[in-house]
Amino acid sequence: MSGPAEVLGAHVRDIPDFPQPGIVFKDITPLLGDAAAFRTCIDALADPFAGEGVSKVLGTEARGFILAAPVAYRFGAGFVPVRKAGKLPWEIEREEYALEYGTDLLEIHRDAVAPGERVLIVDDVLATGGTAAATARLVSALGGEVVGFGFLIELGFLHGRAALGHDRVVSLLTYD
């Protein structure tokens, strides 16, 4: 019987030269469209954090939403979207993070995480770690505690784990 990484990897499609020449984009839409593979993905993201008392699962825009919401359901926890600037309609906390050329902003509602809540951060890809680290800083600013990070894909050659300090990181597929 094959393990989760083998099953999941078979459903990730490489798209060469997207979004620009020299980049190989990891397309997860075949995985999302296959019920068994999608279930395997969600279970494999949630299982390592069972027993951690997760009360909120944060997903970053946009594919992180797709993975984080069913993980939250698995835990009986709340789901919180972390959005790009200007998308949330209420009072927000904002965090700037570095891009290859410049900076960007992430936002979360100020009442999305209560002090002391245990938070799991889920996203589709760990690349440089900037987005995930900024999301963790948002959790801390609201008084929450990050219990860890879950990613479907890690681009190991970009060394994004280093940006996440000593927090627990679970990646289902790693490409070096």
N, C-alpha and C. Protein backbone atom coordinates (compact mmCIF):
# COMPACT_ATOMS: atom_id res chain seq x y z
N MET A 1 0.85 -1.19 0.00
CA MET A 1 0.00 0.00 0.00
C MET A 1 0.89 1.25 0.00
N SER A 2 0.51 2.24 -0.74
CA SER A 2 1.31 3.44 -0.85
C SER A 2 0.96 4.43 0.26
N GLY A 3 1.96 5.25 0.64
CA GLY A 3 1.75 6.24 1.69
C GLY A 3 1.14 7.51 1.15
N PRO A 4 0.78 8.42 2.06
CA PRO A 4 0.14 9.68 1.64
C PRO A 4 0.97 10.48 0.64
N ALA A 5 2.28 10.57 0.83
CA ALA A 5 3.10 11.37 -0.08
C ALA A 5 3.04 10.81 -1.50
N GLU A 6 3.07 9.50 -1.61
CA GLU A 6 3.00 8.87 -2.93
C GLU A 6 1.66 9.14 -3.60
N VAL A 7 0.60 8.99 -2.84
CA VAL A 7 -0.76 9.24 -3.36
C VAL A 7 -0.91 10.71 -3.77
N LEU A 8 -0.49 11.60 -2.89
CA LEU A 8 -0.65 13.03 -3.16
C LEU A 8 0.24 13.48 -4.32
N GLY A 9 1.48 13.04 -4.34
CA GLY A 9 2.40 13.43 -5.39
C GLY A 9 1.92 13.03 -6.77
N ALA A 10 1.20 11.92 -6.85
CA ALA A 10 0.67 11.46 -8.14
C ALA A 10 -0.42 12.38 -8.67
N HIS A 11 -0.95 13.26 -7.80
CA HIS A 11 -2.03 14.17 -8.19
C HIS A 11 -1.59 15.62 -8.31
N VAL A 12 -0.28 15.88 -8.24
CA VAL A 12 0.24 17.23 -8.42
C VAL A 12 0.86 17.29 -9.81
N ARG A 13 0.40 18.26 -10.58
CA ARG A 13 0.82 18.38 -11.98
C ARG A 13 1.85 19.51 -12.11
N ASP A 14 2.94 19.24 -12.81
CA ASP A 14 3.94 20.27 -13.10
C ASP A 14 3.53 21.06 -14.35
N ILE A 15 3.55 22.38 -14.22
CA ILE A 15 3.26 23.27 -15.35
C ILE A 15 4.54 24.08 -15.60
N PRO A 16 5.31 23.70 -16.64
CA PRO A 16 6.56 24.43 -16.90
C PRO A 16 6.30 25.85 -17.40
N ASP A 17 7.22 26.73 -17.03
CA ASP A 17 7.22 28.12 -17.49
C ASP A 17 5.95 28.88 -17.11
N PHE A 18 5.42 28.60 -15.90
CA PHE A 18 4.27 29.35 -15.39
C PHE A 18 4.58 29.76 -13.96
N PRO A 19 4.38 30.99 -13.60
CA PRO A 19 3.81 32.10 -14.35
C PRO A 19 4.80 32.83 -15.24
N GLN A 20 6.06 32.37 -15.23
CA GLN A 20 7.07 32.99 -16.10
C GLN A 20 8.09 31.94 -16.49
N PRO A 21 8.86 32.20 -17.53
CA PRO A 21 9.85 31.22 -17.99
C PRO A 21 10.82 30.82 -16.87
N GLY A 22 11.10 29.53 -16.80
CA GLY A 22 12.03 29.00 -15.81
C GLY A 22 11.39 28.52 -14.53
N ILE A 23 10.12 28.86 -14.31
CA ILE A 23 9.40 28.42 -13.12
C ILE A 23 8.61 27.16 -13.47
N VAL A 24 8.63 26.17 -12.57
CA VAL A 24 7.79 24.99 -12.71
C VAL A 24 6.71 25.08 -11.62
N PHE A 25 5.50 25.41 -12.03
CA PHE A 25 4.37 25.60 -11.11
C PHE A 25 3.82 24.24 -10.70
N LYS A 26 3.59 24.07 -9.40
CA LYS A 26 3.00 22.84 -8.87
C LYS A 26 1.48 23.04 -8.78
N ASP A 27 0.77 22.45 -9.73
CA ASP A 27 -0.68 22.59 -9.84
C ASP A 27 -1.37 21.53 -8.99
N ILE A 28 -2.11 21.98 -7.97
CA ILE A 28 -2.79 21.05 -7.06
C ILE A 28 -4.24 20.79 -7.45
N THR A 29 -4.73 21.40 -8.53
CA THR A 29 -6.14 21.21 -8.88
C THR A 29 -6.49 19.75 -9.16
N PRO A 30 -5.62 18.92 -9.76
CA PRO A 30 -5.98 17.50 -9.90
C PRO A 30 -6.18 16.81 -8.54
N LEU A 31 -5.38 17.18 -7.56
CA LEU A 31 -5.52 16.62 -6.21
C LEU A 31 -6.85 17.05 -5.59
N LEU A 32 -7.18 18.32 -5.73
CA LEU A 32 -8.43 18.83 -5.15
C LEU A 32 -9.65 18.18 -5.80
N GLY A 33 -9.53 17.84 -7.07
CA GLY A 33 -10.65 17.25 -7.81
C GLY A 33 -10.84 15.77 -7.60
N ASP A 34 -9.91 15.12 -6.94
CA ASP A 34 -10.01 13.68 -6.67
C ASP A 34 -10.40 13.49 -5.21
N ALA A 35 -11.59 12.97 -4.96
CA ALA A 35 -12.13 12.89 -3.60
C ALA A 35 -11.21 12.13 -2.65
N ALA A 36 -10.68 11.00 -3.08
CA ALA A 36 -9.82 10.20 -2.21
C ALA A 36 -8.51 10.93 -1.91
N ALA A 37 -7.90 11.54 -2.92
CA ALA A 37 -6.65 12.26 -2.71
C ALA A 37 -6.87 13.49 -1.82
N PHE A 38 -7.97 14.19 -2.03
CA PHE A 38 -8.27 15.36 -1.22
C PHE A 38 -8.47 14.94 0.24
N ARG A 39 -9.20 13.87 0.47
CA ARG A 39 -9.41 13.36 1.85
C ARG A 39 -8.07 12.97 2.47
N THR A 40 -7.23 12.28 1.70
CA THR A 40 -5.90 11.90 2.20
C THR A 40 -5.11 13.14 2.61
N CYS A 41 -5.16 14.17 1.79
CA CYS A 41 -4.46 15.43 2.07
C CYS A 41 -4.94 16.05 3.38
N ILE A 42 -6.24 16.19 3.53
CA ILE A 42 -6.80 16.83 4.73
C ILE A 42 -6.47 16.02 5.97
N ASP A 43 -6.63 14.71 5.89
CA ASP A 43 -6.30 13.86 7.05
C ASP A 43 -4.82 13.95 7.40
N ALA A 44 -3.96 13.96 6.38
CA ALA A 44 -2.52 14.01 6.63
C ALA A 44 -2.08 15.37 7.19
N LEU A 45 -2.81 16.43 6.87
CA LEU A 45 -2.51 17.75 7.46
C LEU A 45 -3.00 17.82 8.90
N ALA A 46 -4.14 17.21 9.19
CA ALA A 46 -4.73 17.30 10.52
C ALA A 46 -4.12 16.32 11.52
N ASP A 47 -3.88 15.09 11.11
CA ASP A 47 -3.47 14.04 12.05
C ASP A 47 -2.27 14.38 12.92
N PRO A 48 -1.22 15.01 12.38
CA PRO A 48 -0.06 15.30 13.25
C PRO A 48 -0.37 16.29 14.39
N PHE A 49 -1.47 17.02 14.28
CA PHE A 49 -1.82 18.03 15.28
C PHE A 49 -2.99 17.60 16.17
N ALA A 50 -3.43 16.34 16.02
CA ALA A 50 -4.49 15.81 16.88
C ALA A 50 -3.98 15.84 18.33
N GLY A 51 -4.84 16.21 19.24
CA GLY A 51 -4.45 16.26 20.64
C GLY A 51 -3.74 17.55 21.03
N GLU A 52 -3.59 18.48 20.11
CA GLU A 52 -2.91 19.76 20.39
C GLU A 52 -3.87 20.84 20.88
N GLY A 53 -5.16 20.52 20.96
CA GLY A 53 -6.13 21.51 21.44
C GLY A 53 -6.31 22.68 20.50
N VAL A 54 -6.27 22.42 19.19
CA VAL A 54 -6.42 23.48 18.19
C VAL A 54 -7.83 24.06 18.29
N SER A 55 -7.91 25.38 18.48
CA SER A 55 -9.22 26.03 18.54
C SER A 55 -9.52 26.86 17.30
N LYS A 56 -8.47 27.23 16.55
CA LYS A 56 -8.65 27.97 15.29
C LYS A 56 -7.65 27.43 14.27
N VAL A 57 -8.11 27.38 13.03
CA VAL A 57 -7.22 27.05 11.91
C VAL A 57 -7.25 28.24 10.97
N LEU A 58 -6.07 28.80 10.72
CA LEU A 58 -5.95 29.94 9.81
C LEU A 58 -5.50 29.46 8.45
N GLY A 59 -6.15 29.98 7.41
CA GLY A 59 -5.77 29.69 6.04
C GLY A 59 -5.45 30.99 5.34
N THR A 60 -4.34 31.01 4.60
CA THR A 60 -3.96 32.22 3.89
C THR A 60 -4.48 32.19 2.46
N GLU A 61 -4.83 33.37 2.01
CA GLU A 61 -5.44 33.56 0.68
C GLU A 61 -4.51 33.03 -0.41
N ALA A 62 -5.01 32.34 -1.35
CA ALA A 62 -6.38 31.88 -1.52
C ALA A 62 -6.45 30.36 -1.39
N ARG A 63 -5.45 29.64 -1.88
CA ARG A 63 -5.54 28.18 -1.81
C ARG A 63 -5.44 27.65 -0.40
N GLY A 64 -4.86 28.43 0.50
CA GLY A 64 -4.84 28.03 1.90
C GLY A 64 -6.24 27.87 2.47
N PHE A 65 -7.19 28.68 1.97
CA PHE A 65 -8.58 28.56 2.42
C PHE A 65 -9.12 27.16 2.14
N ILE A 66 -8.80 26.64 0.96
CA ILE A 66 -9.34 25.35 0.50
C ILE A 66 -8.89 24.23 1.43
N LEU A 67 -7.68 24.30 1.92
CA LEU A 67 -7.13 23.25 2.78
C LEU A 67 -7.46 23.49 4.26
N ALA A 68 -7.40 24.73 4.70
CA ALA A 68 -7.58 25.03 6.12
C ALA A 68 -9.01 24.80 6.60
N ALA A 69 -10.00 25.13 5.76
CA ALA A 69 -11.39 25.00 6.21
C ALA A 69 -11.76 23.55 6.57
N PRO A 70 -11.45 22.55 5.73
CA PRO A 70 -11.78 21.19 6.14
C PRO A 70 -10.92 20.67 7.30
N VAL A 71 -9.70 21.19 7.46
CA VAL A 71 -8.90 20.82 8.63
C VAL A 71 -9.59 21.36 9.89
N ALA A 72 -10.07 22.60 9.83
CA ALA A 72 -10.81 23.17 10.96
C ALA A 72 -12.04 22.31 11.29
N TYR A 73 -12.75 21.89 10.27
CA TYR A 73 -13.92 21.03 10.47
C TYR A 73 -13.52 19.74 11.19
N ARG A 74 -12.41 19.15 10.77
CA ARG A 74 -11.92 17.92 11.40
C ARG A 74 -11.70 18.10 12.90
N PHE A 75 -11.20 19.29 13.29
CA PHE A 75 -10.91 19.55 14.70
C PHE A 75 -12.12 20.08 15.48
N GLY A 76 -13.20 20.41 14.77
CA GLY A 76 -14.29 21.09 15.45
C GLY A 76 -13.85 22.49 15.88
N ALA A 77 -12.96 23.08 15.09
CA ALA A 77 -12.38 24.39 15.39
C ALA A 77 -12.94 25.43 14.43
N GLY A 78 -12.71 26.68 14.76
CA GLY A 78 -13.10 27.76 13.86
C GLY A 78 -12.09 27.91 12.73
N PHE A 79 -12.57 28.41 11.60
CA PHE A 79 -11.71 28.72 10.46
C PHE A 79 -11.57 30.23 10.35
N VAL A 80 -10.35 30.70 10.13
CA VAL A 80 -10.09 32.13 10.00
C VAL A 80 -9.35 32.39 8.69
N PRO A 81 -9.93 33.23 7.81
CA PRO A 81 -9.19 33.60 6.60
C PRO A 81 -8.20 34.73 6.88
N VAL A 82 -6.99 34.56 6.36
CA VAL A 82 -5.99 35.61 6.39
C VAL A 82 -5.92 36.12 4.96
N ARG A 83 -6.19 37.42 4.78
CA ARG A 83 -6.39 37.96 3.44
C ARG A 83 -5.33 38.97 3.06
N LYS A 84 -5.26 39.22 1.77
CA LYS A 84 -4.43 40.31 1.27
C LYS A 84 -5.11 41.63 1.62
N ALA A 85 -4.36 42.70 1.61
CA ALA A 85 -4.85 44.00 2.06
C ALA A 85 -6.11 44.44 1.32
N GLY A 86 -7.04 45.02 2.10
CA GLY A 86 -8.23 45.63 1.52
C GLY A 86 -9.39 44.69 1.27
N LYS A 87 -9.31 43.44 1.71
CA LYS A 87 -10.36 42.46 1.43
C LYS A 87 -11.30 42.22 2.61
N LEU A 88 -10.91 42.60 3.80
CA LEU A 88 -11.72 42.32 4.99
C LEU A 88 -12.55 43.55 5.36
N PRO A 89 -13.82 43.33 5.74
CA PRO A 89 -14.75 44.45 5.92
C PRO A 89 -14.80 45.05 7.32
N TRP A 90 -14.02 44.57 8.27
CA TRP A 90 -14.15 45.05 9.64
C TRP A 90 -12.79 45.48 10.14
N GLU A 91 -12.67 45.79 11.42
CA GLU A 91 -11.39 46.22 12.00
C GLU A 91 -10.36 45.12 11.83
N ILE A 92 -9.16 45.53 11.41
CA ILE A 92 -8.14 44.54 11.07
C ILE A 92 -6.83 44.76 11.82
N GLU A 93 -6.09 43.69 11.90
CA GLU A 93 -4.68 43.73 12.29
C GLU A 93 -3.93 43.45 10.99
N ARG A 94 -2.83 44.13 10.77
CA ARG A 94 -2.11 44.00 9.49
C ARG A 94 -0.65 43.71 9.75
N GLU A 95 -0.05 42.95 8.83
CA GLU A 95 1.37 42.60 8.96
C GLU A 95 2.02 42.67 7.59
N GLU A 96 3.13 43.38 7.52
CA GLU A 96 3.89 43.48 6.27
C GLU A 96 4.89 42.33 6.20
N TYR A 97 5.14 41.85 5.00
CA TYR A 97 6.15 40.81 4.81
C TYR A 97 6.89 41.06 3.51
N ALA A 98 8.10 40.51 3.44
CA ALA A 98 8.98 40.76 2.29
C ALA A 98 8.67 39.82 1.15
N LEU A 99 8.70 40.36 -0.04
CA LEU A 99 8.64 39.60 -1.28
C LEU A 99 10.03 39.66 -1.91
N GLU A 100 10.20 38.94 -3.01
CA GLU A 100 11.49 38.98 -3.69
C GLU A 100 11.87 40.41 -4.08
N TYR A 101 10.87 41.17 -4.55
CA TYR A 101 11.09 42.57 -4.93
C TYR A 101 10.02 43.43 -4.28
N GLY A 102 10.26 43.85 -3.04
CA GLY A 102 9.30 44.71 -2.35
C GLY A 102 8.64 44.03 -1.17
N THR A 103 7.45 44.53 -0.81
CA THR A 103 6.71 44.00 0.34
C THR A 103 5.24 43.86 -0.02
N ASP A 104 4.51 43.15 0.83
CA ASP A 104 3.07 43.01 0.70
C ASP A 104 2.48 43.00 2.10
N LEU A 105 1.15 43.01 2.18
CA LEU A 105 0.47 43.04 3.47
C LEU A 105 -0.50 41.88 3.59
N LEU A 106 -0.61 41.35 4.80
CA LEU A 106 -1.66 40.38 5.14
C LEU A 106 -2.51 41.02 6.23
N GLU A 107 -3.81 40.66 6.24
CA GLU A 107 -4.72 41.21 7.23
C GLU A 107 -5.59 40.11 7.82
N ILE A 108 -6.02 40.35 9.06
CA ILE A 108 -6.91 39.45 9.78
C ILE A 108 -7.85 40.32 10.61
N HIS A 109 -9.09 39.89 10.82
CA HIS A 109 -9.99 40.63 11.70
C HIS A 109 -9.43 40.62 13.12
N ARG A 110 -9.57 41.75 13.79
CA ARG A 110 -9.01 41.87 15.15
C ARG A 110 -9.64 40.91 16.15
N ASP A 111 -10.85 40.47 15.89
CA ASP A 111 -11.51 39.56 16.83
C ASP A 111 -11.45 38.09 16.36
N ALA A 112 -10.61 37.79 15.38
CA ALA A 112 -10.56 36.45 14.80
C ALA A 112 -9.88 35.43 15.70
N VAL A 113 -8.94 35.88 16.50
CA VAL A 113 -8.21 35.01 17.43
C VAL A 113 -8.23 35.68 18.79
N ALA A 114 -8.71 34.95 19.78
CA ALA A 114 -8.75 35.48 21.14
C ALA A 114 -7.46 35.13 21.87
N PRO A 115 -7.09 35.95 22.85
CA PRO A 115 -5.89 35.64 23.62
C PRO A 115 -5.96 34.22 24.19
N GLY A 116 -4.85 33.49 24.04
CA GLY A 116 -4.76 32.13 24.56
C GLY A 116 -5.24 31.05 23.61
N GLU A 117 -5.92 31.42 22.52
CA GLU A 117 -6.38 30.38 21.60
C GLU A 117 -5.19 29.72 20.91
N ARG A 118 -5.35 28.40 20.68
CA ARG A 118 -4.29 27.61 20.04
C ARG A 118 -4.61 27.51 18.55
N VAL A 119 -3.64 27.96 17.74
CA VAL A 119 -3.87 28.18 16.32
C VAL A 119 -2.94 27.32 15.46
N LEU A 120 -3.54 26.68 14.46
CA LEU A 120 -2.79 25.97 13.43
C LEU A 120 -2.88 26.79 12.15
N ILE A 121 -1.74 27.02 11.51
CA ILE A 121 -1.69 27.78 10.26
C ILE A 121 -1.50 26.80 9.12
N VAL A 122 -2.41 26.85 8.13
CA VAL A 122 -2.39 25.91 7.01
C VAL A 122 -2.32 26.69 5.70
N ASP A 123 -1.46 26.23 4.79
CA ASP A 123 -1.37 26.84 3.46
C ASP A 123 -1.00 25.75 2.46
N ASP A 124 -1.12 26.07 1.19
CA ASP A 124 -0.82 25.07 0.17
C ASP A 124 0.68 24.90 -0.02
N VAL A 125 1.45 25.99 0.00
CA VAL A 125 2.88 25.91 -0.32
C VAL A 125 3.71 26.70 0.69
N LEU A 126 4.79 26.08 1.15
CA LEU A 126 5.82 26.78 1.90
C LEU A 126 6.96 27.03 0.92
N ALA A 127 7.17 28.30 0.61
CA ALA A 127 8.26 28.68 -0.30
C ALA A 127 9.35 29.36 0.54
N THR A 128 9.38 30.68 0.57
CA THR A 128 10.41 31.39 1.34
C THR A 128 10.04 31.52 2.82
N GLY A 129 8.78 31.27 3.15
CA GLY A 129 8.33 31.35 4.54
C GLY A 129 7.81 32.71 4.95
N GLY A 130 7.88 33.70 4.06
CA GLY A 130 7.46 35.06 4.42
C GLY A 130 5.99 35.17 4.78
N THR A 131 5.13 34.54 3.99
CA THR A 131 3.69 34.60 4.26
C THR A 131 3.35 33.90 5.57
N ALA A 132 3.91 32.71 5.77
CA ALA A 132 3.62 31.95 6.99
C ALA A 132 4.14 32.67 8.22
N ALA A 133 5.34 33.23 8.14
CA ALA A 133 5.89 33.95 9.28
C ALA A 133 5.06 35.19 9.61
N ALA A 134 4.60 35.90 8.58
CA ALA A 134 3.74 37.07 8.80
C ALA A 134 2.42 36.65 9.44
N THR A 135 1.88 35.51 9.02
CA THR A 135 0.64 35.02 9.61
C THR A 135 0.85 34.68 11.09
N ALA A 136 1.98 34.08 11.42
CA ALA A 136 2.29 33.77 12.82
C ALA A 136 2.41 35.05 13.64
N ARG A 137 2.99 36.09 13.06
CA ARG A 137 3.09 37.36 13.78
C ARG A 137 1.71 37.96 14.03
N LEU A 138 0.79 37.79 13.09
CA LEU A 138 -0.59 38.25 13.30
C LEU A 138 -1.23 37.51 14.47
N VAL A 139 -1.04 36.21 14.53
CA VAL A 139 -1.58 35.41 15.64
C VAL A 139 -1.02 35.92 16.97
N SER A 140 0.28 36.13 17.02
CA SER A 140 0.91 36.63 18.25
C SER A 140 0.39 38.01 18.62
N ALA A 141 0.19 38.88 17.64
CA ALA A 141 -0.31 40.23 17.92
C ALA A 141 -1.70 40.20 18.55
N LEU A 142 -2.47 39.17 18.21
CA LEU A 142 -3.81 39.04 18.78
C LEU A 142 -3.82 38.24 20.08
N GLY A 143 -2.66 37.74 20.50
CA GLY A 143 -2.57 37.01 21.76
C GLY A 143 -2.75 35.51 21.63
N GLY A 144 -2.82 35.01 20.40
CA GLY A 144 -2.96 33.57 20.19
C GLY A 144 -1.61 32.86 20.25
N GLU A 145 -1.68 31.53 20.30
CA GLU A 145 -0.49 30.70 20.36
C GLU A 145 -0.44 29.81 19.12
N VAL A 146 0.61 29.90 18.34
CA VAL A 146 0.77 29.05 17.16
C VAL A 146 1.23 27.67 17.62
N VAL A 147 0.42 26.63 17.28
CA VAL A 147 0.82 25.26 17.62
C VAL A 147 1.62 24.62 16.50
N GLY A 148 1.55 25.21 15.30
CA GLY A 148 2.34 24.70 14.19
C GLY A 148 1.81 25.16 12.85
N PHE A 149 2.47 24.65 11.82
CA PHE A 149 2.16 24.96 10.43
C PHE A 149 1.96 23.67 9.66
N GLY A 150 0.96 23.65 8.77
CA GLY A 150 0.75 22.52 7.88
C GLY A 150 0.74 22.98 6.44
N PHE A 151 1.53 22.32 5.61
CA PHE A 151 1.62 22.67 4.18
C PHE A 151 1.45 21.41 3.34
N LEU A 152 0.76 21.54 2.24
CA LEU A 152 0.70 20.44 1.28
C LEU A 152 2.05 20.27 0.63
N ILE A 153 2.66 21.36 0.17
CA ILE A 153 3.91 21.33 -0.57
C ILE A 153 4.93 22.24 0.09
N GLU A 154 6.17 21.75 0.17
CA GLU A 154 7.29 22.58 0.62
C GLU A 154 8.33 22.60 -0.50
N LEU A 155 8.73 23.79 -0.88
CA LEU A 155 9.81 23.97 -1.86
C LEU A 155 11.11 24.09 -1.06
N GLY A 156 11.68 22.93 -0.73
CA GLY A 156 12.81 22.87 0.19
C GLY A 156 14.00 23.70 -0.24
N PHE A 157 14.20 23.83 -1.54
CA PHE A 157 15.35 24.58 -2.06
C PHE A 157 15.27 26.07 -1.75
N LEU A 158 14.10 26.55 -1.28
CA LEU A 158 13.95 27.96 -0.90
C LEU A 158 14.15 28.19 0.60
N HIS A 159 14.30 27.11 1.38
CA HIS A 159 14.64 27.17 2.80
C HIS A 159 13.65 27.98 3.64
N GLY A 160 12.36 27.85 3.33
CA GLY A 160 11.33 28.59 4.05
C GLY A 160 11.18 28.22 5.51
N ARG A 161 11.54 26.99 5.87
CA ARG A 161 11.45 26.57 7.29
C ARG A 161 12.24 27.49 8.20
N ALA A 162 13.35 27.99 7.70
CA ALA A 162 14.21 28.84 8.51
C ALA A 162 13.48 30.10 8.99
N ALA A 163 12.51 30.57 8.23
CA ALA A 163 11.76 31.78 8.60
C ALA A 163 10.72 31.50 9.69
N LEU A 164 10.48 30.22 10.00
CA LEU A 164 9.42 29.87 10.93
C LEU A 164 9.92 29.53 12.33
N GLY A 165 11.20 29.76 12.57
CA GLY A 165 11.74 29.56 13.91
C GLY A 165 11.64 28.11 14.36
N HIS A 166 11.24 27.94 15.61
CA HIS A 166 11.19 26.60 16.21
C HIS A 166 9.80 25.99 16.19
N ASP A 167 8.85 26.66 15.54
CA ASP A 167 7.49 26.11 15.48
C ASP A 167 7.48 24.82 14.66
N ARG A 168 6.56 23.96 15.00
CA ARG A 168 6.43 22.68 14.30
C ARG A 168 5.93 22.90 12.88
N VAL A 169 6.57 22.27 11.91
CA VAL A 169 6.21 22.37 10.50
C VAL A 169 5.97 20.99 9.96
N VAL A 170 4.79 20.79 9.36
CA VAL A 170 4.47 19.54 8.69
C VAL A 170 4.24 19.85 7.21
N SER A 171 5.02 19.21 6.36
CA SER A 171 4.85 19.33 4.91
C SER A 171 4.62 17.94 4.35
N LEU A 172 3.58 17.80 3.52
CA LEU A 172 3.23 16.49 3.00
C LEU A 172 4.09 16.09 1.80
N LEU A 173 4.48 17.05 0.99
CA LEU A 173 5.34 16.81 -0.17
C LEU A 173 6.46 17.82 -0.15
N THR A 174 7.70 17.38 -0.30
CA THR A 174 8.83 18.30 -0.35
C THR A 174 9.55 18.13 -1.67
N TYR A 175 9.80 19.25 -2.33
CA TYR A 175 10.54 19.28 -3.58
C TYR A 175 11.84 20.03 -3.33
N ASP A 176 12.98 19.35 -3.53
CA ASP A 176 14.29 19.97 -3.28
C ASP A 176 14.95 20.46 -4.54
